[in-house]
Amino acid sequence: KWGVEGLTQALAQELPDGMVAVTLNPGIIDTDMLRTCFGSGASQYVDPDSWSRRAVPFLMQVSASDNGRSLTAPGG
């Protein structure tokens, strides 16, 4: 996790004005691996397709003040 966050922070310092770099924490997602570990209990979490439909509008609102930050998408 720190490797990705550190790379994002370094990239954020190098980007030109108008561009930002953020890491996006998805939270807990209903995946095959989660179902393997938790069985039917995994279904209480959002599926990847639903999560991505929520994440894209969230990312479209990222601003220059978010540059280099680690964000958590809603719904994860």
PDB file of N, CA and C in Angstrom:
ATOM      1  N   LYS A   1       0.827  -1.190   0.000  1.00  0.00           N
ATOM      2  CA  LYS A   1       0.000   0.000   0.000  1.00  0.00           C
ATOM      3  C   LYS A   1       0.872   1.255   0.000  1.00  0.00           C
ATOM      4  N   TRP A   2       1.886   1.307   0.845  1.00  0.00           N
ATOM      5  CA  TRP A   2       2.715   2.507   0.885  1.00  0.00           C
ATOM      6  C   TRP A   2       3.431   2.730  -0.437  1.00  0.00           C
ATOM      7  N   GLY A   3       3.811   1.661  -1.121  1.00  0.00           N
ATOM      8  CA  GLY A   3       4.489   1.818  -2.403  1.00  0.00           C
ATOM      9  C   GLY A   3       3.636   2.596  -3.395  1.00  0.00           C
ATOM     10  N   VAL A   4       2.364   2.265  -3.466  1.00  0.00           N
ATOM     11  CA  VAL A   4       1.450   2.958  -4.377  1.00  0.00           C
ATOM     12  C   VAL A   4       1.231   4.396  -3.908  1.00  0.00           C
ATOM     13  N   GLU A   5       1.033   4.579  -2.604  1.00  0.00           N
ATOM     14  CA  GLU A   5       0.809   5.933  -2.084  1.00  0.00           C
ATOM     15  C   GLU A   5       2.050   6.809  -2.252  1.00  0.00           C
ATOM     16  N   GLY A   6       3.228   6.240  -2.007  1.00  0.00           N
ATOM     17  CA  GLY A   6       4.467   6.993  -2.185  1.00  0.00           C
ATOM     18  C   GLY A   6       4.696   7.380  -3.633  1.00  0.00           C
ATOM     19  N   LEU A   7       4.440   6.449  -4.543  1.00  0.00           N
ATOM     20  CA  LEU A   7       4.572   6.742  -5.970  1.00  0.00           C
ATOM     21  C   LEU A   7       3.602   7.848  -6.375  1.00  0.00           C
ATOM     22  N   THR A   8       2.386   7.792  -5.859  1.00  0.00           N
ATOM     23  CA  THR A   8       1.388   8.817  -6.171  1.00  0.00           C
ATOM     24  C   THR A   8       1.844  10.185  -5.681  1.00  0.00           C
ATOM     25  N   GLN A   9       2.398  10.237  -4.481  1.00  0.00           N
ATOM     26  CA  GLN A   9       2.873  11.517  -3.943  1.00  0.00           C
ATOM     27  C   GLN A   9       4.031  12.070  -4.775  1.00  0.00           C
ATOM     28  N   ALA A  10       4.924  11.188  -5.201  1.00  0.00           N
ATOM     29  CA  ALA A  10       6.044  11.634  -6.035  1.00  0.00           C
ATOM     30  C   ALA A  10       5.539  12.122  -7.392  1.00  0.00           C
ATOM     31  N   LEU A  11       4.630  11.378  -7.984  1.00  0.00           N
ATOM     32  CA  LEU A  11       4.057  11.768  -9.272  1.00  0.00           C
ATOM     33  C   LEU A  11       3.324  13.100  -9.159  1.00  0.00           C
ATOM     34  N   ALA A  12       2.605  13.294  -8.064  1.00  0.00           N
ATOM     35  CA  ALA A  12       1.840  14.529  -7.858  1.00  0.00           C
ATOM     36  C   ALA A  12       2.741  15.761  -7.906  1.00  0.00           C
ATOM     37  N   GLN A  13       3.969  15.621  -7.459  1.00  0.00           N
ATOM     38  CA  GLN A  13       4.902  16.751  -7.451  1.00  0.00           C
ATOM     39  C   GLN A  13       5.421  17.087  -8.846  1.00  0.00           C
ATOM     40  N   GLU A  14       5.344  16.112  -9.746  1.00  0.00           N
ATOM     41  CA  GLU A  14       5.911  16.284 -11.084  1.00  0.00           C
ATOM     42  C   GLU A  14       4.881  16.673 -12.144  1.00  0.00           C
ATOM     43  N   LEU A  15       3.605  16.525 -11.836  1.00  0.00           N
ATOM     44  CA  LEU A  15       2.581  16.773 -12.847  1.00  0.00           C
ATOM     45  C   LEU A  15       2.415  18.260 -13.140  1.00  0.00           C
ATOM     46  N   PRO A  16       2.071  18.581 -14.390  1.00  0.00           N
ATOM     47  CA  PRO A  16       1.818  19.991 -14.723  1.00  0.00           C
ATOM     48  C   PRO A  16       0.498  20.463 -14.111  1.00  0.00           C
ATOM     49  N   ASP A  17       0.314  21.761 -14.062  1.00  0.00           N
ATOM     50  CA  ASP A  17      -0.945  22.327 -13.571  1.00  0.00           C
ATOM     51  C   ASP A  17      -2.114  21.737 -14.357  1.00  0.00           C
ATOM     52  N   GLY A  18      -3.193  21.491 -13.668  1.00  0.00           N
ATOM     53  CA  GLY A  18      -4.387  20.944 -14.308  1.00  0.00           C
ATOM     54  C   GLY A  18      -4.484  19.433 -14.245  1.00  0.00           C
ATOM     55  N   MET A  19      -3.433  18.776 -13.780  1.00  0.00           N
ATOM     56  CA  MET A  19      -3.458  17.320 -13.635  1.00  0.00           C
ATOM     57  C   MET A  19      -3.226  16.974 -12.172  1.00  0.00           C
ATOM     58  N   VAL A  20      -3.872  15.912 -11.713  1.00  0.00           N
ATOM     59  CA  VAL A  20      -3.670  15.454 -10.338  1.00  0.00           C
ATOM     60  C   VAL A  20      -3.451  13.952 -10.334  1.00  0.00           C
ATOM     61  N   ALA A  21      -2.773  13.486  -9.304  1.00  0.00           N
ATOM     62  CA  ALA A  21      -2.584  12.055  -9.070  1.00  0.00           C
ATOM     63  C   ALA A  21      -3.122  11.752  -7.679  1.00  0.00           C
ATOM     64  N   VAL A  22      -3.980  10.759  -7.580  1.00  0.00           N
ATOM     65  CA  VAL A  22      -4.526  10.335  -6.292  1.00  0.00           C
ATOM     66  C   VAL A  22      -4.511   8.815  -6.238  1.00  0.00           C
ATOM     67  N   THR A  23      -4.454   8.282  -5.035  1.00  0.00           N
ATOM     68  CA  THR A  23      -4.722   6.858  -4.867  1.00  0.00           C
ATOM     69  C   THR A  23      -6.163   6.745  -4.418  1.00  0.00           C
ATOM     70  N   LEU A  24      -6.820   5.692  -4.851  1.00  0.00           N
ATOM     71  CA  LEU A  24      -8.234   5.514  -4.553  1.00  0.00           C
ATOM     72  C   LEU A  24      -8.435   4.198  -3.827  1.00  0.00           C
ATOM     73  N   ASN A  25      -8.802   4.289  -2.560  1.00  0.00           N
ATOM     74  CA  ASN A  25      -9.082   3.115  -1.742  1.00  0.00           C
ATOM     75  C   ASN A  25     -10.509   2.665  -2.033  1.00  0.00           C
ATOM     76  N   PRO A  26     -10.691   1.452  -2.531  1.00  0.00           N
ATOM     77  CA  PRO A  26     -12.038   1.012  -2.876  1.00  0.00           C
ATOM     78  C   PRO A  26     -12.859   0.534  -1.686  1.00  0.00           C
ATOM     79  N   GLY A  27     -12.225   0.327  -0.552  1.00  0.00           N
ATOM     80  CA  GLY A  27     -12.958  -0.272   0.568  1.00  0.00           C
ATOM     81  C   GLY A  27     -13.099  -1.774   0.337  1.00  0.00           C
ATOM     82  N   ILE A  28     -14.117  -2.367   0.925  1.00  0.00           N
ATOM     83  CA  ILE A  28     -14.328  -3.813   0.786  1.00  0.00           C
ATOM     84  C   ILE A  28     -15.276  -4.059  -0.381  1.00  0.00           C
ATOM     85  N   ILE A  29     -14.826  -4.877  -1.326  1.00  0.00           N
ATOM     86  CA  ILE A  29     -15.576  -5.162  -2.545  1.00  0.00           C
ATOM     87  C   ILE A  29     -15.901  -6.655  -2.594  1.00  0.00           C
ATOM     88  N   ASP A  30     -17.102  -6.981  -3.029  1.00  0.00           N
ATOM     89  CA  ASP A  30     -17.539  -8.370  -3.183  1.00  0.00           C
ATOM     90  C   ASP A  30     -16.838  -8.979  -4.396  1.00  0.00           C
ATOM     91  N   THR A  31     -15.755  -9.699  -4.145  1.00  0.00           N
ATOM     92  CA  THR A  31     -14.977 -10.345  -5.202  1.00  0.00           C
ATOM     93  C   THR A  31     -14.943 -11.853  -4.970  1.00  0.00           C
ATOM     94  N   ASP A  32     -14.430 -12.591  -5.939  1.00  0.00           N
ATOM     95  CA  ASP A  32     -14.283 -14.040  -5.780  1.00  0.00           C
ATOM     96  C   ASP A  32     -13.433 -14.365  -4.557  1.00  0.00           C
ATOM     97  N   MET A  33     -12.352 -13.615  -4.361  1.00  0.00           N
ATOM     98  CA  MET A  33     -11.476 -13.884  -3.221  1.00  0.00           C
ATOM     99  C   MET A  33     -12.213 -13.646  -1.898  1.00  0.00           C
ATOM    100  N   LEU A  34     -13.003 -12.586  -1.825  1.00  0.00           N
ATOM    101  CA  LEU A  34     -13.756 -12.309  -0.602  1.00  0.00           C
ATOM    102  C   LEU A  34     -14.776 -13.421  -0.346  1.00  0.00           C
ATOM    103  N   ARG A  35     -15.426 -13.900  -1.411  1.00  0.00           N
ATOM    104  CA  ARG A  35     -16.402 -14.988  -1.258  1.00  0.00           C
ATOM    105  C   ARG A  35     -15.727 -16.282  -0.821  1.00  0.00           C
ATOM    106  N   THR A  36     -14.495 -16.504  -1.286  1.00  0.00           N
ATOM    107  CA  THR A  36     -13.753 -17.686  -0.860  1.00  0.00           C
ATOM    108  C   THR A  36     -13.493 -17.639   0.640  1.00  0.00           C
ATOM    109  N   CYS A  37     -13.197 -16.456   1.144  1.00  0.00           N
ATOM    110  CA  CYS A  37     -12.893 -16.300   2.573  1.00  0.00           C
ATOM    111  C   CYS A  37     -14.136 -16.223   3.448  1.00  0.00           C
ATOM    112  N   PHE A  38     -15.179 -15.546   2.976  1.00  0.00           N
ATOM    113  CA  PHE A  38     -16.326 -15.246   3.832  1.00  0.00           C
ATOM    114  C   PHE A  38     -17.651 -15.819   3.341  1.00  0.00           C
ATOM    115  N   GLY A  39     -17.614 -16.568   2.256  1.00  0.00           N
ATOM    116  CA  GLY A  39     -18.834 -17.196   1.761  1.00  0.00           C
ATOM    117  C   GLY A  39     -19.907 -16.182   1.405  1.00  0.00           C
ATOM    118  N   SER A  40     -21.141 -16.511   1.751  1.00  0.00           N
ATOM    119  CA  SER A  40     -22.263 -15.651   1.372  1.00  0.00           C
ATOM    120  C   SER A  40     -22.229 -14.296   2.078  1.00  0.00           C
ATOM    121  N   GLY A  41     -21.452 -14.176   3.156  1.00  0.00           N
ATOM    122  CA  GLY A  41     -21.326 -12.898   3.853  1.00  0.00           C
ATOM    123  C   GLY A  41     -20.728 -11.807   2.979  1.00  0.00           C
ATOM    124  N   ALA A  42     -20.016 -12.204   1.936  1.00  0.00           N
ATOM    125  CA  ALA A  42     -19.404 -11.225   1.037  1.00  0.00           C
ATOM    126  C   ALA A  42     -20.457 -10.433   0.270  1.00  0.00           C
ATOM    127  N   SER A  43     -21.650 -10.992   0.131  1.00  0.00           N
ATOM    128  CA  SER A  43     -22.685 -10.325  -0.664  1.00  0.00           C
ATOM    129  C   SER A  43     -23.194  -9.037  -0.020  1.00  0.00           C
ATOM    130  N   GLN A  44     -22.865  -8.804   1.234  1.00  0.00           N
ATOM    131  CA  GLN A  44     -23.285  -7.550   1.868  1.00  0.00           C
ATOM    132  C   GLN A  44     -22.466  -6.356   1.378  1.00  0.00           C
ATOM    133  N   TYR A  45     -21.379  -6.639   0.660  1.00  0.00           N
ATOM    134  CA  TYR A  45     -20.523  -5.577   0.138  1.00  0.00           C
ATOM    135  C   TYR A  45     -20.847  -5.318  -1.330  1.00  0.00           C
ATOM    136  N   VAL A  46     -20.478  -4.160  -1.801  1.00  0.00           N
ATOM    137  CA  VAL A  46     -20.770  -3.742  -3.163  1.00  0.00           C
ATOM    138  C   VAL A  46     -19.962  -4.573  -4.166  1.00  0.00           C
ATOM    139  N   ASP A  47     -20.567  -4.861  -5.325  1.00  0.00           N
ATOM    140  CA  ASP A  47     -19.863  -5.605  -6.375  1.00  0.00           C
ATOM    141  C   ASP A  47     -19.013  -4.629  -7.197  1.00  0.00           C
ATOM    142  N   PRO A  48     -18.002  -5.142  -7.911  1.00  0.00           N
ATOM    143  CA  PRO A  48     -17.079  -4.265  -8.639  1.00  0.00           C
ATOM    144  C   PRO A  48     -17.764  -3.346  -9.654  1.00  0.00           C
ATOM    145  N   ASP A  49     -18.766  -3.845 -10.379  1.00  0.00           N
ATOM    146  CA  ASP A  49     -19.433  -3.004 -11.379  1.00  0.00           C
ATOM    147  C   ASP A  49     -20.165  -1.833 -10.730  1.00  0.00           C
ATOM    148  N   SER A  50     -20.882  -2.109  -9.658  1.00  0.00           N
ATOM    149  CA  SER A  50     -21.597  -1.031  -8.957  1.00  0.00           C
ATOM    150  C   SER A  50     -20.611  -0.028  -8.374  1.00  0.00           C
ATOM    151  N   TRP A  51     -19.524  -0.549  -7.814  1.00  0.00           N
ATOM    152  CA  TRP A  51     -18.516   0.343  -7.235  1.00  0.00           C
ATOM    153  C   TRP A  51     -17.942   1.274  -8.297  1.00  0.00           C
ATOM    154  N   SER A  52     -17.612   0.725  -9.462  1.00  0.00           N
ATOM    155  CA  SER A  52     -16.996   1.556 -10.503  1.00  0.00           C
ATOM    156  C   SER A  52     -17.955   2.630 -10.998  1.00  0.00           C
ATOM    157  N   ARG A  53     -19.247   2.331 -11.042  1.00  0.00           N
ATOM    158  CA  ARG A  53     -20.217   3.350 -11.455  1.00  0.00           C
ATOM    159  C   ARG A  53     -20.280   4.502 -10.446  1.00  0.00           C
ATOM    160  N   ARG A  54     -19.984   4.225  -9.196  1.00  0.00           N
ATOM    161  CA  ARG A  54     -19.942   5.283  -8.177  1.00  0.00           C
ATOM    162  C   ARG A  54     -18.590   5.999  -8.170  1.00  0.00           C
ATOM    163  N   ALA A  55     -17.538   5.256  -8.459  1.00  0.00           N
ATOM    164  CA  ALA A  55     -16.188   5.821  -8.372  1.00  0.00           C
ATOM    165  C   ALA A  55     -15.903   6.832  -9.479  1.00  0.00           C
ATOM    166  N   VAL A  56     -16.397   6.583 -10.676  1.00  0.00           N
ATOM    167  CA  VAL A  56     -16.089   7.484 -11.792  1.00  0.00           C
ATOM    168  C   VAL A  56     -16.603   8.901 -11.532  1.00  0.00           C
ATOM    169  N   PRO A  57     -17.869   9.095 -11.159  1.00  0.00           N
ATOM    170  CA  PRO A  57     -18.309  10.468 -10.850  1.00  0.00           C
ATOM    171  C   PRO A  57     -17.516  11.088  -9.691  1.00  0.00           C
ATOM    172  N   PHE A  58     -17.159  10.263  -8.714  1.00  0.00           N
ATOM    173  CA  PHE A  58     -16.345  10.741  -7.591  1.00  0.00           C
ATOM    174  C   PHE A  58     -15.005  11.267  -8.099  1.00  0.00           C
ATOM    175  N   LEU A  59     -14.361  10.512  -8.975  1.00  0.00           N
ATOM    176  CA  LEU A  59     -13.061  10.922  -9.512  1.00  0.00           C
ATOM    177  C   LEU A  59     -13.166  12.167 -10.387  1.00  0.00           C
ATOM    178  N   MET A  60     -14.292  12.343 -11.042  1.00  0.00           N
ATOM    179  CA  MET A  60     -14.473  13.520 -11.893  1.00  0.00           C
ATOM    180  C   MET A  60     -14.530  14.806 -11.066  1.00  0.00           C
ATOM    181  N   GLN A  61     -14.741  14.688  -9.765  1.00  0.00           N
ATOM    182  CA  GLN A  61     -14.813  15.861  -8.898  1.00  0.00           C
ATOM    183  C   GLN A  61     -13.509  16.119  -8.135  1.00  0.00           C
ATOM    184  N   VAL A  62     -12.487  15.313  -8.389  1.00  0.00           N
ATOM    185  CA  VAL A  62     -11.194  15.518  -7.732  1.00  0.00           C
ATOM    186  C   VAL A  62     -10.633  16.864  -8.185  1.00  0.00           C
ATOM    187  N   SER A  63     -10.069  17.607  -7.248  1.00  0.00           N
ATOM    188  CA  SER A  63      -9.547  18.940  -7.573  1.00  0.00           C
ATOM    189  C   SER A  63      -8.048  19.017  -7.275  1.00  0.00           C
ATOM    190  N   ALA A  64      -7.468  20.137  -7.611  1.00  0.00           N
ATOM    191  CA  ALA A  64      -6.035  20.342  -7.387  1.00  0.00           C
ATOM    192  C   ALA A  64      -5.667  20.186  -5.917  1.00  0.00           C
ATOM    193  N   SER A  65      -6.582  20.503  -5.021  1.00  0.00           N
ATOM    194  CA  SER A  65      -6.285  20.366  -3.587  1.00  0.00           C
ATOM    195  C   SER A  65      -6.180  18.900  -3.157  1.00  0.00           C
ATOM    196  N   ASP A  66      -6.646  17.976  -4.004  1.00  0.00           N
ATOM    197  CA  ASP A  66      -6.550  16.541  -3.710  1.00  0.00           C
ATOM    198  C   ASP A  66      -5.249  15.928  -4.220  1.00  0.00           C
ATOM    199  N   ASN A  67      -4.457  16.679  -4.959  1.00  0.00           N
ATOM    200  CA  ASN A  67      -3.252  16.151  -5.579  1.00  0.00           C
ATOM    201  C   ASN A  67      -2.333  15.486  -4.552  1.00  0.00           C
ATOM    202  N   GLY A  68      -1.994  14.222  -4.800  1.00  0.00           N
ATOM    203  CA  GLY A  68      -1.101  13.469  -3.930  1.00  0.00           C
ATOM    204  C   GLY A  68      -1.790  12.773  -2.773  1.00  0.00           C
ATOM    205  N   ARG A  69      -3.078  12.967  -2.626  1.00  0.00           N
ATOM    206  CA  ARG A  69      -3.802  12.401  -1.482  1.00  0.00           C
ATOM    207  C   ARG A  69      -4.279  10.979  -1.757  1.00  0.00           C
ATOM    208  N   SER A  70      -4.543  10.279  -0.678  1.00  0.00           N
ATOM    209  CA  SER A  70      -5.180   8.967  -0.731  1.00  0.00           C
ATOM    210  C   SER A  70      -6.647   9.178  -0.381  1.00  0.00           C
ATOM    211  N   LEU A  71      -7.531   8.836  -1.303  1.00  0.00           N
ATOM    212  CA  LEU A  71      -8.960   9.066  -1.133  1.00  0.00           C
ATOM    213  C   LEU A  71      -9.700   7.739  -1.010  1.00  0.00           C
ATOM    214  N   THR A  72     -10.843   7.775  -0.370  1.00  0.00           N
ATOM    215  CA  THR A  72     -11.707   6.603  -0.282  1.00  0.00           C
ATOM    216  C   THR A  72     -12.971   6.899  -1.063  1.00  0.00           C
ATOM    217  N   ALA A  73     -13.241   6.064  -2.047  1.00  0.00           N
ATOM    218  CA  ALA A  73     -14.426   6.259  -2.879  1.00  0.00           C
ATOM    219  C   ALA A  73     -15.679   5.919  -2.092  1.00  0.00           C
ATOM    220  N   PRO A  74     -16.766   6.621  -2.348  1.00  0.00           N
ATOM    221  CA  PRO A  74     -18.014   6.306  -1.658  1.00  0.00           C
ATOM    222  C   PRO A  74     -18.547   4.946  -2.089  1.00  0.00           C
ATOM    223  N   GLY A  75     -19.186   4.276  -1.175  1.00  0.00           N
ATOM    224  CA  GLY A  75     -19.837   3.014  -1.504  1.00  0.00           C
ATOM    225  C   GLY A  75     -18.966   1.792  -1.389  1.00  0.00           C
ATOM    226  N   GLY A  76     -17.714   1.944  -0.989  1.00  0.00           N
ATOM    227  CA  GLY A  76     -16.837   0.788  -0.878  1.00  0.00           C
ATOM    228  C   GLY A  76     -16.700   0.298   0.520  1.00  0.00           C
TER     229      GLY A  76
END
